[in-house]
Amino acid sequence: MPYTYEYPRPSVTVDCIIFAFDRENKDIKVLLIQRLADPYKDCWALPGGFVDMDENLKTAAMRELEEETGLRDIFLEQLYTFGAPNRDPRGRVISVAYYALIPLHKAQVPVAASDAKQVKWYSTKQLPDLAFDHDQILAIGLQRLKGKVRYQPIGFELLNEKFALSELRDLYETILEKEIEKRNFRKKILSMNVLKELEEYQQGVPHRAARLYQFDKENYERLVNEGFSFEI
């Protein structure tokens, strides 16, 4: 018989921050659900829920994400643990947050399910009031995103497989919320040796078609192992 002892046992939840890049509007969006039940019924929140006794944290996060939004097969990275004593009116609840970066145009169409009334992409600049402490969780997620773009080419996750340098610069400008000089950006990003130049050009654009590139994942991983700095 397993050893047990009398001691308060907090519950554990997982919350998922799903970021996507809307290049048309130069905007970072986040996926939110509208809660179907109390507490915070009808309020918007991050997808998530309680961890079952027989599953690990990441499995719980992936399950809750699919149950509430229909999204699956997304690479989730652990972000932070939130444990303020009064963060959840249901009792002592500790939440482990995960986040993911996905291309908006490639995302499966989210479908509300489980305890979600609606699911919707929101601009991170125009958010509704969020349930629980999800505004704080999202703020930490945005900080991580801005930090990550300074040391890792996150276009792996947020852009098409093939892209122009202008698209990559738009992504960096959107996340960092500042303009980046075109010539300096081109020189810096090409000097990193993480892009493959293709013999292909943009199609269907109203301006001169730009050359397309791909990320060189193999060389990128080698440089990471060597401690190379990718800061823009």
C-alpha atoms as a PDB file:
ATOM      1  CA  MET A   1       0.000   0.000   0.000  1.00  0.00           C
ATOM      2  CA  PRO A   2       1.487   3.416  -0.992  1.00  0.00           C
ATOM      3  CA  TYR A   3       2.623   5.607   1.842  1.00  0.00           C
ATOM      4  CA  THR A   4       0.404   8.649   2.373  1.00  0.00           C
ATOM      5  CA  TYR A   5       0.222  11.322   5.001  1.00  0.00           C
ATOM      6  CA  GLU A   6      -2.097  14.138   5.970  1.00  0.00           C
ATOM      7  CA  TYR A   7      -1.149  17.278   4.098  1.00  0.00           C
ATOM      8  CA  PRO A   8      -3.080  19.720   1.884  1.00  0.00           C
ATOM      9  CA  ARG A   9      -2.799  18.688  -1.753  1.00  0.00           C
ATOM     10  CA  PRO A  10      -3.012  21.439  -4.383  1.00  0.00           C
ATOM     11  CA  SER A  11      -4.498  20.753  -7.804  1.00  0.00           C
ATOM     12  CA  VAL A  12      -2.446  21.181 -10.966  1.00  0.00           C
ATOM     13  CA  THR A  13      -3.599  22.683 -14.255  1.00  0.00           C
ATOM     14  CA  VAL A  14      -1.957  23.446 -17.588  1.00  0.00           C
ATOM     15  CA  ASP A  15      -2.510  26.524 -19.759  1.00  0.00           C
ATOM     16  CA  CYS A  16      -1.512  26.899 -23.406  1.00  0.00           C
ATOM     17  CA  ILE A  17      -0.414  30.086 -25.160  1.00  0.00           C
ATOM     18  CA  ILE A  18      -0.630  29.605 -28.928  1.00  0.00           C
ATOM     19  CA  PHE A  19       0.990  32.447 -30.856  1.00  0.00           C
ATOM     20  CA  ALA A  20       0.632  33.014 -34.601  1.00  0.00           C
ATOM     21  CA  PHE A  21       2.024  35.657 -36.960  1.00  0.00           C
ATOM     22  CA  ASP A  22      -0.477  37.599 -39.073  1.00  0.00           C
ATOM     23  CA  ARG A  23       1.837  39.092 -41.695  1.00  0.00           C
ATOM     24  CA  GLU A  24      -0.946  40.872 -43.595  1.00  0.00           C
ATOM     25  CA  ASN A  25      -1.629  43.036 -40.553  1.00  0.00           C
ATOM     26  CA  LYS A  26       1.879  42.771 -39.035  1.00  0.00           C
ATOM     27  CA  ASP A  27       0.397  41.429 -35.837  1.00  0.00           C
ATOM     28  CA  ILE A  28       1.027  38.661 -33.316  1.00  0.00           C
ATOM     29  CA  LYS A  29      -2.165  36.822 -32.428  1.00  0.00           C
ATOM     30  CA  VAL A  30      -3.050  34.487 -29.577  1.00  0.00           C
ATOM     31  CA  LEU A  31      -5.707  31.794 -29.462  1.00  0.00           C
ATOM     32  CA  LEU A  32      -8.353  32.224 -26.749  1.00  0.00           C
ATOM     33  CA  ILE A  33     -11.444  30.282 -25.690  1.00  0.00           C
ATOM     34  CA  GLN A  34     -14.662  31.616 -24.215  1.00  0.00           C
ATOM     35  CA  ARG A  35     -15.438  29.612 -21.082  1.00  0.00           C
ATOM     36  CA  LEU A  36     -18.655  27.630 -21.033  1.00  0.00           C
ATOM     37  CA  ALA A  37     -18.894  27.129 -17.254  1.00  0.00           C
ATOM     38  CA  ASP A  38     -18.079  28.798 -13.963  1.00  0.00           C
ATOM     39  CA  PRO A  39     -15.822  30.152 -12.680  1.00  0.00           C
ATOM     40  CA  TYR A  40     -15.531  33.020 -15.141  1.00  0.00           C
ATOM     41  CA  LYS A  41     -18.351  31.751 -17.315  1.00  0.00           C
ATOM     42  CA  ASP A  42     -18.422  33.578 -20.700  1.00  0.00           C
ATOM     43  CA  CYS A  43     -15.005  35.143 -20.038  1.00  0.00           C
ATOM     44  CA  TRP A  44     -12.119  34.626 -22.432  1.00  0.00           C
ATOM     45  CA  ALA A  45      -9.178  32.527 -21.318  1.00  0.00           C
ATOM     46  CA  LEU A  46      -6.193  30.537 -22.497  1.00  0.00           C
ATOM     47  CA  PRO A  47      -6.964  26.920 -23.435  1.00  0.00           C
ATOM     48  CA  GLY A  48      -6.190  24.561 -20.579  1.00  0.00           C
ATOM     49  CA  GLY A  49      -7.505  22.510 -17.694  1.00  0.00           C
ATOM     50  CA  PHE A  50      -6.735  20.064 -14.908  1.00  0.00           C
ATOM     51  CA  VAL A  51      -4.028  17.427 -15.140  1.00  0.00           C
ATOM     52  CA  ASP A  52      -5.320  13.874 -14.762  1.00  0.00           C
ATOM     53  CA  MET A  53      -3.688  11.619 -12.177  1.00  0.00           C
ATOM     54  CA  ASP A  54      -2.264   9.257 -14.806  1.00  0.00           C
ATOM     55  CA  GLU A  55      -0.744  11.756 -17.270  1.00  0.00           C
ATOM     56  CA  ASN A  56       2.327  13.946 -17.385  1.00  0.00           C
ATOM     57  CA  LEU A  57       2.138  17.722 -17.773  1.00  0.00           C
ATOM     58  CA  LYS A  58       2.855  17.979 -21.502  1.00  0.00           C
ATOM     59  CA  THR A  59       0.389  15.213 -22.333  1.00  0.00           C
ATOM     60  CA  ALA A  60      -2.250  17.082 -20.337  1.00  0.00           C
ATOM     61  CA  ALA A  61      -1.486  20.323 -22.175  1.00  0.00           C
ATOM     62  CA  MET A  62      -1.793  18.650 -25.585  1.00  0.00           C
ATOM     63  CA  ARG A  63      -5.006  16.892 -24.566  1.00  0.00           C
ATOM     64  CA  GLU A  64      -6.642  20.052 -23.228  1.00  0.00           C
ATOM     65  CA  LEU A  65      -5.600  22.026 -26.306  1.00  0.00           C
ATOM     66  CA  GLU A  66      -7.170  19.487 -28.641  1.00  0.00           C
ATOM     67  CA  GLU A  67     -10.295  19.059 -26.511  1.00  0.00           C
ATOM     68  CA  GLU A  68     -10.988  22.792 -26.353  1.00  0.00           C
ATOM     69  CA  THR A  69      -9.815  24.012 -29.764  1.00  0.00           C
ATOM     70  CA  GLY A  70      -9.330  20.993 -32.035  1.00  0.00           C
ATOM     71  CA  LEU A  71      -5.664  21.892 -32.565  1.00  0.00           C
ATOM     72  CA  ARG A  72      -3.199  18.993 -32.360  1.00  0.00           C
ATOM     73  CA  ASP A  73       0.306  17.940 -33.339  1.00  0.00           C
ATOM     74  CA  ILE A  74       1.727  21.245 -32.122  1.00  0.00           C
ATOM     75  CA  PHE A  75       5.159  21.470 -30.512  1.00  0.00           C
ATOM     76  CA  LEU A  76       4.652  22.883 -27.021  1.00  0.00           C
ATOM     77  CA  GLU A  77       7.454  24.327 -24.918  1.00  0.00           C
ATOM     78  CA  GLN A  78       7.150  24.792 -21.176  1.00  0.00           C
ATOM     79  CA  LEU A  79       7.065  28.456 -20.196  1.00  0.00           C
ATOM     80  CA  TYR A  80       6.621  29.048 -16.475  1.00  0.00           C
ATOM     81  CA  THR A  81       4.801  27.858 -13.350  1.00  0.00           C
ATOM     82  CA  PHE A  82       2.190  30.079 -11.700  1.00  0.00           C
ATOM     83  CA  GLY A  83       1.291  29.409  -8.079  1.00  0.00           C
ATOM     84  CA  ALA A  84      -0.137  32.476  -6.349  1.00  0.00           C
ATOM     85  CA  PRO A  85      -2.351  31.163  -3.512  1.00  0.00           C
ATOM     86  CA  ASN A  86      -5.528  32.945  -4.667  1.00  0.00           C
ATOM     87  CA  ARG A  87      -5.115  32.695  -8.435  1.00  0.00           C
ATOM     88  CA  ASP A  88      -8.076  30.299  -8.808  1.00  0.00           C
ATOM     89  CA  PRO A  89     -11.388  30.650  -6.907  1.00  0.00           C
ATOM     90  CA  ARG A  90     -11.838  26.852  -6.930  1.00  0.00           C
ATOM     91  CA  GLY A  91      -9.025  26.374  -4.435  1.00  0.00           C
ATOM     92  CA  ARG A  92      -5.260  25.982  -4.302  1.00  0.00           C
ATOM     93  CA  VAL A  93      -4.365  25.473  -7.942  1.00  0.00           C
ATOM     94  CA  ILE A  94      -0.891  25.570  -9.473  1.00  0.00           C
ATOM     95  CA  SER A  95      -0.707  26.042 -13.253  1.00  0.00           C
ATOM     96  CA  VAL A  96       2.119  25.101 -15.592  1.00  0.00           C
ATOM     97  CA  ALA A  97       2.017  27.200 -18.770  1.00  0.00           C
ATOM     98  CA  TYR A  98       3.151  26.043 -22.203  1.00  0.00           C
ATOM     99  CA  TYR A  99       3.497  28.024 -25.397  1.00  0.00           C
ATOM    100  CA  ALA A 100       3.754  27.329 -29.110  1.00  0.00           C
ATOM    101  CA  LEU A 101       4.482  29.276 -32.299  1.00  0.00           C
ATOM    102  CA  ILE A 102       2.540  28.334 -35.421  1.00  0.00           C
ATOM    103  CA  PRO A 103       1.927  29.896 -38.856  1.00  0.00           C
ATOM    104  CA  LEU A 104      -1.543  31.447 -38.874  1.00  0.00           C
ATOM    105  CA  HIS A 105      -2.279  30.293 -42.424  1.00  0.00           C
ATOM    106  CA  LYS A 106      -1.327  26.683 -41.627  1.00  0.00           C
ATOM    107  CA  ALA A 107      -3.238  26.352 -38.380  1.00  0.00           C
ATOM    108  CA  GLN A 108      -6.096  23.929 -38.346  1.00  0.00           C
ATOM    109  CA  VAL A 109      -9.366  25.820 -38.095  1.00  0.00           C
ATOM    110  CA  PRO A 110      -9.988  25.947 -34.342  1.00  0.00           C
ATOM    111  CA  VAL A 111     -13.302  24.480 -33.209  1.00  0.00           C
ATOM    112  CA  ALA A 112     -14.764  25.082 -29.752  1.00  0.00           C
ATOM    113  CA  ALA A 113     -15.312  21.892 -27.787  1.00  0.00           C
ATOM    114  CA  SER A 114     -15.342  20.527 -24.231  1.00  0.00           C
ATOM    115  CA  ASP A 115     -15.900  23.453 -21.824  1.00  0.00           C
ATOM    116  CA  ALA A 116     -15.297  26.114 -24.494  1.00  0.00           C
ATOM    117  CA  LYS A 117     -18.193  28.123 -25.914  1.00  0.00           C
ATOM    118  CA  GLN A 118     -16.121  29.813 -28.622  1.00  0.00           C
ATOM    119  CA  VAL A 119     -12.539  29.817 -29.783  1.00  0.00           C
ATOM    120  CA  LYS A 120     -11.004  32.797 -31.539  1.00  0.00           C
ATOM    121  CA  TRP A 121      -7.708  34.401 -32.586  1.00  0.00           C
ATOM    122  CA  TYR A 122      -7.146  37.757 -30.867  1.00  0.00           C
ATOM    123  CA  SER A 123      -4.542  40.404 -31.538  1.00  0.00           C
ATOM    124  CA  THR A 124      -2.162  40.622 -28.588  1.00  0.00           C
ATOM    125  CA  LYS A 125      -2.670  44.394 -28.827  1.00  0.00           C
ATOM    126  CA  GLN A 126      -6.475  44.205 -28.505  1.00  0.00           C
ATOM    127  CA  LEU A 127      -7.301  41.634 -25.866  1.00  0.00           C
ATOM    128  CA  PRO A 128     -10.528  41.163 -23.908  1.00  0.00           C
ATOM    129  CA  ASP A 129     -10.492  40.847 -20.125  1.00  0.00           C
ATOM    130  CA  LEU A 130      -9.055  37.426 -19.322  1.00  0.00           C
ATOM    131  CA  ALA A 131     -10.102  34.900 -16.674  1.00  0.00           C
ATOM    132  CA  PHE A 132      -7.971  33.881 -13.680  1.00  0.00           C
ATOM    133  CA  ASP A 133      -4.425  35.320 -13.958  1.00  0.00           C
ATOM    134  CA  HIS A 134      -4.216  34.650 -17.681  1.00  0.00           C
ATOM    135  CA  ASP A 135      -3.261  38.244 -18.421  1.00  0.00           C
ATOM    136  CA  GLN A 136      -0.101  37.682 -16.366  1.00  0.00           C
ATOM    137  CA  ILE A 137       0.565  34.335 -18.049  1.00  0.00           C
ATOM    138  CA  LEU A 138       0.198  35.907 -21.486  1.00  0.00           C
ATOM    139  CA  ALA A 139       2.489  38.803 -20.517  1.00  0.00           C
ATOM    140  CA  ILE A 140       5.210  36.318 -19.546  1.00  0.00           C
ATOM    141  CA  GLY A 141       4.635  34.516 -22.845  1.00  0.00           C
ATOM    142  CA  LEU A 142       5.119  37.715 -24.828  1.00  0.00           C
ATOM    143  CA  GLN A 143       8.305  38.477 -22.898  1.00  0.00           C
ATOM    144  CA  ARG A 144       9.616  35.013 -23.750  1.00  0.00           C
ATOM    145  CA  LEU A 145       8.711  35.523 -27.408  1.00  0.00           C
ATOM    146  CA  LYS A 146      10.644  38.803 -27.549  1.00  0.00           C
ATOM    147  CA  GLY A 147      13.578  37.217 -25.798  1.00  0.00           C
ATOM    148  CA  LYS A 148      13.551  34.149 -28.018  1.00  0.00           C
ATOM    149  CA  VAL A 149      13.629  36.144 -31.247  1.00  0.00           C
ATOM    150  CA  ARG A 150      16.946  37.635 -30.113  1.00  0.00           C
ATOM    151  CA  TYR A 151      18.740  34.294 -29.884  1.00  0.00           C
ATOM    152  CA  GLN A 152      16.823  31.877 -32.113  1.00  0.00           C
ATOM    153  CA  PRO A 153      15.491  32.195 -35.694  1.00  0.00           C
ATOM    154  CA  ILE A 154      11.861  31.585 -34.800  1.00  0.00           C
ATOM    155  CA  GLY A 155      10.743  31.873 -38.414  1.00  0.00           C
ATOM    156  CA  PHE A 156      11.078  28.099 -38.398  1.00  0.00           C
ATOM    157  CA  GLU A 157       7.668  28.013 -36.759  1.00  0.00           C
ATOM    158  CA  LEU A 158       5.964  31.220 -37.877  1.00  0.00           C
ATOM    159  CA  LEU A 159       6.605  31.572 -41.617  1.00  0.00           C
ATOM    160  CA  ASN A 160       6.036  29.563 -44.772  1.00  0.00           C
ATOM    161  CA  GLU A 161       8.648  26.933 -45.538  1.00  0.00           C
ATOM    162  CA  LYS A 162       9.857  29.297 -48.291  1.00  0.00           C
ATOM    163  CA  PHE A 163       9.937  33.039 -47.637  1.00  0.00           C
ATOM    164  CA  ALA A 164      11.444  36.350 -48.736  1.00  0.00           C
ATOM    165  CA  LEU A 165      13.800  38.251 -46.464  1.00  0.00           C
ATOM    166  CA  SER A 166      11.205  41.030 -46.260  1.00  0.00           C
ATOM    167  CA  GLU A 167       8.774  38.567 -44.666  1.00  0.00           C
ATOM    168  CA  LEU A 168      11.353  37.558 -42.084  1.00  0.00           C
ATOM    169  CA  ARG A 169      12.116  41.213 -41.325  1.00  0.00           C
ATOM    170  CA  ASP A 170       8.396  41.938 -40.931  1.00  0.00           C
ATOM    171  CA  LEU A 171       8.238  39.148 -38.352  1.00  0.00           C
ATOM    172  CA  TYR A 172      11.148  40.529 -36.343  1.00  0.00           C
ATOM    173  CA  GLU A 173       9.757  44.069 -36.477  1.00  0.00           C
ATOM    174  CA  THR A 174       6.337  42.878 -35.330  1.00  0.00           C
ATOM    175  CA  ILE A 175       7.664  40.931 -32.349  1.00  0.00           C
ATOM    176  CA  LEU A 176      10.234  43.512 -31.270  1.00  0.00           C
ATOM    177  CA  GLU A 177       7.856  46.424 -31.991  1.00  0.00           C
ATOM    178  CA  LYS A 178      10.497  48.499 -33.726  1.00  0.00           C
ATOM    179  CA  GLU A 179      11.738  49.190 -37.229  1.00  0.00           C
ATOM    180  CA  ILE A 180      14.818  47.338 -38.436  1.00  0.00           C
ATOM    181  CA  GLU A 181      16.995  48.870 -41.147  1.00  0.00           C
ATOM    182  CA  LYS A 182      16.659  46.744 -44.288  1.00  0.00           C
ATOM    183  CA  ARG A 183      20.289  46.581 -45.362  1.00  0.00           C
ATOM    184  CA  ASN A 184      21.664  45.852 -41.902  1.00  0.00           C
ATOM    185  CA  PHE A 185      19.074  43.132 -41.328  1.00  0.00           C
ATOM    186  CA  ARG A 186      19.905  41.450 -44.626  1.00  0.00           C
ATOM    187  CA  LYS A 187      23.629  41.523 -43.908  1.00  0.00           C
ATOM    188  CA  LYS A 188      23.187  40.217 -40.358  1.00  0.00           C
ATOM    189  CA  ILE A 189      20.760  37.410 -41.117  1.00  0.00           C
ATOM    190  CA  LEU A 190      22.730  36.135 -44.112  1.00  0.00           C
ATOM    191  CA  SER A 191      25.968  36.180 -42.105  1.00  0.00           C
ATOM    192  CA  MET A 192      24.443  33.679 -39.659  1.00  0.00           C
ATOM    193  CA  ASN A 193      24.493  30.918 -42.301  1.00  0.00           C
ATOM    194  CA  VAL A 194      21.099  29.566 -41.283  1.00  0.00           C
ATOM    195  CA  LEU A 195      19.337  30.289 -44.594  1.00  0.00           C
ATOM    196  CA  LYS A 196      19.403  28.441 -47.895  1.00  0.00           C
ATOM    197  CA  GLU A 197      19.129  30.667 -50.954  1.00  0.00           C
ATOM    198  CA  LEU A 198      16.687  29.196 -53.481  1.00  0.00           C
ATOM    199  CA  GLU A 199      16.405  29.568 -57.242  1.00  0.00           C
ATOM    200  CA  GLU A 200      12.797  30.591 -56.716  1.00  0.00           C
ATOM    201  CA  TYR A 201      11.023  33.945 -56.462  1.00  0.00           C
ATOM    202  CA  GLN A 202       7.795  35.300 -55.025  1.00  0.00           C
ATOM    203  CA  GLN A 203       4.719  34.852 -57.171  1.00  0.00           C
ATOM    204  CA  GLY A 204       1.623  36.988 -57.559  1.00  0.00           C
ATOM    205  CA  VAL A 205       3.071  40.104 -55.930  1.00  0.00           C
ATOM    206  CA  PRO A 206       2.422  43.663 -57.210  1.00  0.00           C
ATOM    207  CA  HIS A 207       6.102  44.562 -56.949  1.00  0.00           C
ATOM    208  CA  ARG A 208       9.375  43.111 -58.159  1.00  0.00           C
ATOM    209  CA  ALA A 209       9.479  39.486 -57.058  1.00  0.00           C
ATOM    210  CA  ALA A 210      12.026  38.811 -54.318  1.00  0.00           C
ATOM    211  CA  ARG A 211      14.193  35.723 -54.026  1.00  0.00           C
ATOM    212  CA  LEU A 212      12.973  33.025 -51.644  1.00  0.00           C
ATOM    213  CA  TYR A 213      14.894  31.350 -48.827  1.00  0.00           C
ATOM    214  CA  GLN A 214      14.560  28.343 -46.541  1.00  0.00           C
ATOM    215  CA  PHE A 215      15.938  27.776 -43.073  1.00  0.00           C
ATOM    216  CA  ASP A 216      18.917  25.432 -42.963  1.00  0.00           C
ATOM    217  CA  LYS A 217      17.917  23.432 -39.875  1.00  0.00           C
ATOM    218  CA  GLU A 218      20.932  21.145 -39.992  1.00  0.00           C
ATOM    219  CA  ASN A 219      23.411  24.030 -39.990  1.00  0.00           C
ATOM    220  CA  TYR A 220      21.357  25.893 -37.397  1.00  0.00           C
ATOM    221  CA  GLU A 221      21.506  22.941 -34.988  1.00  0.00           C
ATOM    222  CA  ARG A 222      25.249  22.644 -35.523  1.00  0.00           C
ATOM    223  CA  LEU A 223      25.741  26.332 -34.724  1.00  0.00           C
ATOM    224  CA  VAL A 224      23.564  26.035 -31.607  1.00  0.00           C
ATOM    225  CA  ASN A 225      25.792  23.219 -30.353  1.00  0.00           C
ATOM    226  CA  GLU A 226      28.806  25.461 -30.953  1.00  0.00           C
ATOM    227  CA  GLY A 227      27.255  28.253 -28.862  1.00  0.00           C
ATOM    228  CA  PHE A 228      26.731  30.670 -31.762  1.00  0.00           C
ATOM    229  CA  SER A 229      24.805  33.896 -31.010  1.00  0.00           C
ATOM    230  CA  PHE A 230      21.834  34.643 -33.277  1.00  0.00           C
ATOM    231  CA  GLU A 231      21.021  38.069 -31.869  1.00  0.00           C
ATOM    232  CA  ILE A 232      19.677  40.540 -34.421  1.00  0.00           C
END
